[in-house]
Amino acid sequence: MENKHTYDRAVELLTAKSEALIELYPRLKGLQSEIDRRLSNAPDKNNRQEILNIMYHASRNELHEELNRLNRLLDSVSAPKTESGSL
């Protein structure tokens, strides 16, 4: 019974924090709606956790790809011009 109470309290706290974050950054509302939609289709806690893990990894990979793209762009802009003879 204590585990259920602890779990319920943790969910309440995380929900409140999520709502506060969305108040600060309204553009996250669409992402939260997508998360809620996906989680509502999960039959149990383990499946919900797996969905969150997949979404996290996909977002992390996407961010990593964008950072690599930006680094390549920065490298191309800041590369020394060898044609003018200056290094």
C-alpha atoms as a PDB file:
ATOM      1  CA  MET A   1       0.000   0.000   0.000  1.00  0.00           C
ATOM      2  CA  GLU A   2       2.862   2.372   0.797  1.00  0.00           C
ATOM      3  CA  ASN A   3       4.379   1.798  -2.657  1.00  0.00           C
ATOM      4  CA  LYS A   4       1.071   2.733  -4.304  1.00  0.00           C
ATOM      5  CA  HIS A   5       0.853   5.907  -2.219  1.00  0.00           C
ATOM      6  CA  THR A   6       4.463   6.814  -3.054  1.00  0.00           C
ATOM      7  CA  TYR A   7       3.857   6.140  -6.744  1.00  0.00           C
ATOM      8  CA  ASP A   8       0.647   8.201  -6.764  1.00  0.00           C
ATOM      9  CA  ARG A   9       2.388  11.080  -4.978  1.00  0.00           C
ATOM     10  CA  ALA A  10       5.281  10.980  -7.447  1.00  0.00           C
ATOM     11  CA  VAL A  11       2.836  11.089 -10.371  1.00  0.00           C
ATOM     12  CA  GLU A  12       1.040  14.061  -8.792  1.00  0.00           C
ATOM     13  CA  LEU A  13       4.308  15.953  -8.308  1.00  0.00           C
ATOM     14  CA  LEU A  14       5.538  15.213 -11.815  1.00  0.00           C
ATOM     15  CA  THR A  15       2.195  16.224 -13.307  1.00  0.00           C
ATOM     16  CA  ALA A  16       2.283  19.523 -11.415  1.00  0.00           C
ATOM     17  CA  LYS A  17       5.850  20.185 -12.578  1.00  0.00           C
ATOM     18  CA  SER A  18       4.907  19.325 -16.154  1.00  0.00           C
ATOM     19  CA  GLU A  19       1.969  21.708 -16.061  1.00  0.00           C
ATOM     20  CA  ALA A  20       4.153  24.469 -14.603  1.00  0.00           C
ATOM     21  CA  LEU A  21       6.741  23.918 -17.334  1.00  0.00           C
ATOM     22  CA  ILE A  22       4.077  24.136 -20.026  1.00  0.00           C
ATOM     23  CA  GLU A  23       2.885  27.409 -18.467  1.00  0.00           C
ATOM     24  CA  LEU A  24       6.421  28.772 -18.860  1.00  0.00           C
ATOM     25  CA  TYR A  25       6.955  27.307 -22.345  1.00  0.00           C
ATOM     26  CA  PRO A  26       3.600  27.001 -24.161  1.00  0.00           C
ATOM     27  CA  ARG A  27       5.293  25.587 -27.272  1.00  0.00           C
ATOM     28  CA  LEU A  28       5.740  22.339 -25.301  1.00  0.00           C
ATOM     29  CA  LYS A  29       1.978  21.827 -25.157  1.00  0.00           C
ATOM     30  CA  GLY A  30       1.966  19.950 -28.470  1.00  0.00           C
ATOM     31  CA  LEU A  31       4.747  17.647 -27.285  1.00  0.00           C
ATOM     32  CA  GLN A  32       2.893  16.956 -24.034  1.00  0.00           C
ATOM     33  CA  SER A  33      -0.278  16.176 -25.999  1.00  0.00           C
ATOM     34  CA  GLU A  34       1.664  13.704 -28.142  1.00  0.00           C
ATOM     35  CA  ILE A  35       3.150  12.059 -25.047  1.00  0.00           C
ATOM     36  CA  ASP A  36      -0.283  11.842 -23.405  1.00  0.00           C
ATOM     37  CA  ARG A  37      -1.799  10.346 -26.565  1.00  0.00           C
ATOM     38  CA  ARG A  38       0.886   7.685 -26.834  1.00  0.00           C
ATOM     39  CA  LEU A  39       0.776   6.819 -23.142  1.00  0.00           C
ATOM     40  CA  SER A  40      -3.001   6.506 -23.171  1.00  0.00           C
ATOM     41  CA  ASN A  41      -2.635   3.580 -25.595  1.00  0.00           C
ATOM     42  CA  ALA A  42      -0.240   1.686 -23.326  1.00  0.00           C
ATOM     43  CA  PRO A  43      -1.841  -1.135 -21.345  1.00  0.00           C
ATOM     44  CA  ASP A  44       0.426  -0.998 -18.292  1.00  0.00           C
ATOM     45  CA  LYS A  45       3.194   0.855 -16.456  1.00  0.00           C
ATOM     46  CA  ASN A  46       6.001  -1.122 -18.124  1.00  0.00           C
ATOM     47  CA  ASN A  47       4.725  -0.335 -21.605  1.00  0.00           C
ATOM     48  CA  ARG A  48       4.353   3.347 -20.702  1.00  0.00           C
ATOM     49  CA  GLN A  49       7.941   3.394 -19.491  1.00  0.00           C
ATOM     50  CA  GLU A  50       9.102   1.748 -22.715  1.00  0.00           C
ATOM     51  CA  ILE A  51       7.230   4.355 -24.768  1.00  0.00           C
ATOM     52  CA  LEU A  52       8.890   7.144 -22.788  1.00  0.00           C
ATOM     53  CA  ASN A  53      12.305   5.526 -23.276  1.00  0.00           C
ATOM     54  CA  ILE A  54      11.774   5.246 -27.030  1.00  0.00           C
ATOM     55  CA  MET A  55      10.634   8.870 -27.267  1.00  0.00           C
ATOM     56  CA  TYR A  56      13.586  10.017 -25.167  1.00  0.00           C
ATOM     57  CA  HIS A  57      16.131   8.172 -27.291  1.00  0.00           C
ATOM     58  CA  ALA A  58      14.546   9.361 -30.531  1.00  0.00           C
ATOM     59  CA  SER A  59      14.632  12.971 -29.318  1.00  0.00           C
ATOM     60  CA  ARG A  60      18.189  12.604 -28.082  1.00  0.00           C
ATOM     61  CA  ASN A  61      19.300  11.155 -31.427  1.00  0.00           C
ATOM     62  CA  GLU A  62      17.555  13.947 -33.312  1.00  0.00           C
ATOM     63  CA  LEU A  63      19.226  16.565 -31.113  1.00  0.00           C
ATOM     64  CA  HIS A  64      22.605  14.884 -31.608  1.00  0.00           C
ATOM     65  CA  GLU A  65      22.155  14.937 -35.400  1.00  0.00           C
ATOM     66  CA  GLU A  66      21.240  18.637 -35.307  1.00  0.00           C
ATOM     67  CA  LEU A  67      24.265  19.441 -33.144  1.00  0.00           C
ATOM     68  CA  ASN A  68      26.497  17.599 -35.609  1.00  0.00           C
ATOM     69  CA  ARG A  69      24.944  19.570 -38.483  1.00  0.00           C
ATOM     70  CA  LEU A  70      25.552  22.839 -36.646  1.00  0.00           C
ATOM     71  CA  ASN A  71      29.138  21.856 -35.898  1.00  0.00           C
ATOM     72  CA  ARG A  72      29.754  21.108 -39.575  1.00  0.00           C
ATOM     73  CA  LEU A  73      28.234  24.452 -40.492  1.00  0.00           C
ATOM     74  CA  LEU A  74      30.401  26.261 -37.957  1.00  0.00           C
ATOM     75  CA  ASP A  75      33.479  24.413 -39.187  1.00  0.00           C
ATOM     76  CA  SER A  76      32.754  25.402 -42.784  1.00  0.00           C
ATOM     77  CA  VAL A  77      32.271  29.061 -41.851  1.00  0.00           C
ATOM     78  CA  SER A  78      35.290  29.315 -39.568  1.00  0.00           C
ATOM     79  CA  ALA A  79      37.662  27.282 -41.757  1.00  0.00           C
ATOM     80  CA  PRO A  80      40.696  29.360 -42.794  1.00  0.00           C
ATOM     81  CA  LYS A  81      40.763  30.524 -46.387  1.00  0.00           C
ATOM     82  CA  THR A  82      43.773  28.873 -48.011  1.00  0.00           C
ATOM     83  CA  GLU A  83      43.178  30.532 -51.379  1.00  0.00           C
ATOM     84  CA  SER A  84      44.215  33.961 -50.073  1.00  0.00           C
ATOM     85  CA  GLY A  85      47.405  32.584 -48.597  1.00  0.00           C
ATOM     86  CA  SER A  86      46.464  33.311 -44.987  1.00  0.00           C
ATOM     87  CA  LEU A  87      46.187  30.549 -42.399  1.00  0.00           C
END
